[in-house]
Each structure stands twice: as structure tokens, then as C-alpha cells.
């Protein structure tokens, strides 16, 4: 019984900590800070798969992007082509596409 119990606990833990894969699109200065890449796929644990944790993960993966990605006023996220309002945290699921949109300048 004890061995069976350990197996069940492992299965529950595995199910609860499944992976979420999201595609990240880099634009303008965010692309430059990420080394010129246009997109990448990011794996996250399902229990922390949200826009706030994504910002932290991107900052760790791309240190030159950190100051931009950690500042909601200077980098907007768009989840599946819908802007994430400043101060809101949205849940992510596999297959989502998140665009990193820095401020646009020009004239």
C-alpha cells in the first residue's frame, strides 16, 4: 500500500506541475535587447504560467532585456493579439502567443 501511495502522489505532482509552452514575439528595442531574435518558445510550469512570471523569466533568460521587460510602463504585452492592461496578470496556456511591444517612437 505504501508503495502505491507514493506512486499516486508522484502522479498528482506531475499532473499539477505540467508544462505550458508559449511563443514569444520580440519587436523593436525588445528584439535588439534579446540579441536580434524575432521569436522563441518558452516553457513554464502551469502553476506559475502567467504574464507576471513570464516577465521575470524573460528577464533572467535575456539580461539585456530585463530593465525593459520588468517595467510595465515601457513594455506592453499582447496576449493572442490583445493588450494586457498595466497592472493586470493574465494566465497563460499552451499555444498562447505573447508579443513584447516596446514604446514606439518616430515622427
Protein backbone atom coordinates (compact mmCIF):
# COMPACT_ATOMS: atom_id res chain seq x y z
CA UNK A 1 0.00 0.00 0.00
CA UNK A 2 2.77 2.44 0.93
CA UNK A 3 4.45 2.00 -2.47
CA UNK A 4 1.11 2.53 -4.24
CA UNK A 5 0.53 5.69 -2.19
CA UNK A 6 3.93 7.12 -3.29
CA UNK A 7 3.06 6.40 -6.92
CA UNK A 8 -0.26 8.26 -6.62
CA UNK A 9 1.44 11.25 -5.00
CA UNK A 10 4.04 11.33 -7.81
CA UNK A 11 1.28 11.23 -10.44
CA UNK A 12 -0.61 14.07 -8.75
CA UNK A 13 2.58 16.16 -8.51
CA UNK A 14 3.36 15.52 -12.17
CA UNK A 15 -0.16 16.48 -13.23
CA UNK A 16 -0.15 19.62 -11.13
CA UNK A 17 3.24 20.80 -12.38
CA UNK A 18 2.75 20.22 -16.08
CA UNK A 19 4.43 22.46 -18.61
CA UNK A 20 2.91 25.28 -20.60
CA UNK A 21 4.58 26.31 -23.86
CA UNK A 22 4.06 29.85 -25.17
CA UNK A 23 5.50 31.60 -28.21
CA UNK A 24 7.17 34.95 -27.59
CA UNK A 25 7.42 37.57 -30.34
CA UNK A 26 10.05 40.30 -29.98
CA UNK A 27 9.59 43.73 -31.57
CA UNK A 28 11.82 46.83 -31.99
CA UNK A 29 14.08 47.51 -28.97
CA UNK A 30 12.90 44.30 -27.27
CA UNK A 31 14.24 42.37 -30.28
CA UNK A 32 17.57 44.22 -30.09
CA UNK A 33 17.87 43.56 -26.32
CA UNK A 34 17.17 39.85 -26.89
CA UNK A 35 20.07 39.57 -29.32
CA UNK A 36 18.13 40.14 -32.53
CA UNK A 37 15.80 37.16 -32.33
CA UNK A 38 12.27 37.58 -33.65
CA UNK A 39 10.59 34.79 -31.69
CA UNK A 40 11.16 31.91 -29.30
CA UNK A 41 9.18 29.29 -27.40
CA UNK A 42 9.22 29.42 -23.60
CA UNK A 43 8.30 26.55 -21.27
CA UNK A 44 6.74 27.40 -17.92
CA UNK A 45 5.26 25.44 -15.06
CA UNK A 46 1.47 25.55 -15.34
CA UNK A 47 1.03 26.79 -11.77
CA UNK A 48 3.17 29.88 -12.48
CA UNK A 49 2.23 30.39 -16.13
CA UNK A 50 1.05 33.98 -16.12
CA UNK A 51 2.17 37.29 -17.58
CA UNK A 52 3.92 38.41 -14.38
CA UNK A 53 6.07 35.27 -14.10
CA UNK A 54 6.74 35.44 -17.83
CA UNK A 55 8.25 38.90 -17.41
CA UNK A 56 10.55 37.53 -14.69
CA UNK A 57 11.54 34.51 -16.76
CA UNK A 58 12.33 36.66 -19.80
CA UNK A 59 14.45 38.99 -17.64
CA UNK A 60 16.52 36.01 -16.47
CA UNK A 61 16.85 34.48 -19.94
CA UNK A 62 17.73 37.79 -21.62
CA UNK A 63 19.57 40.02 -19.11
CA UNK A 64 19.82 42.94 -21.57
CA UNK A 65 16.02 42.83 -21.83
CA UNK A 66 15.50 42.88 -18.04
CA UNK A 67 15.10 46.64 -17.50
CA UNK A 68 12.61 46.86 -20.35
CA UNK A 69 10.58 43.71 -19.58
CA UNK A 70 10.30 44.46 -15.85
CA UNK A 71 8.88 47.94 -16.50
CA UNK A 72 5.20 47.74 -17.43
CA UNK A 73 5.20 51.39 -18.47
CA UNK A 74 7.90 50.75 -21.06
CA UNK A 75 6.91 47.34 -22.39
CA UNK A 76 3.38 46.26 -23.17
CA UNK A 77 2.47 42.60 -23.52
CA UNK A 78 -0.09 41.47 -26.04
CA UNK A 79 -1.55 38.02 -25.39
CA UNK A 80 -3.04 36.46 -28.52
CA UNK A 81 -3.25 39.94 -30.11
CA UNK A 82 -4.99 41.53 -27.10
CA UNK A 83 -3.14 44.09 -24.99
CA UNK A 84 -2.68 43.12 -21.33
CA UNK A 85 -3.64 46.23 -19.31
CA UNK A 86 -0.98 47.62 -16.98
CA UNK A 87 -1.24 46.12 -13.50
CA UNK A 88 -3.18 43.05 -14.65
CA UNK A 89 -1.81 39.49 -14.57
CA UNK A 90 -3.24 37.08 -17.13
CA UNK A 91 -2.97 33.29 -17.02
CA UNK A 92 -1.10 31.61 -19.89
CA UNK A 93 -1.88 28.30 -21.55
CA UNK A 94 -0.05 26.19 -24.10
CA UNK A 95 -0.25 27.61 -27.58
CA UNK A 96 -0.59 31.23 -26.45
CA UNK A 97 1.36 33.88 -28.33
CA UNK A 98 2.79 36.80 -26.36
CA UNK A 99 4.17 39.84 -28.17
CA UNK A 100 6.63 42.16 -26.42
CA UNK A 101 5.79 45.67 -27.58
CA UNK A 102 8.12 48.48 -26.51
CA UNK A 103 7.18 52.14 -26.88
CA UNK A 104 7.04 53.25 -30.48
CA UNK A 105 8.87 56.43 -31.36
CA UNK A 106 9.19 58.24 -34.59
CA UNK A 107 7.87 61.16 -36.46
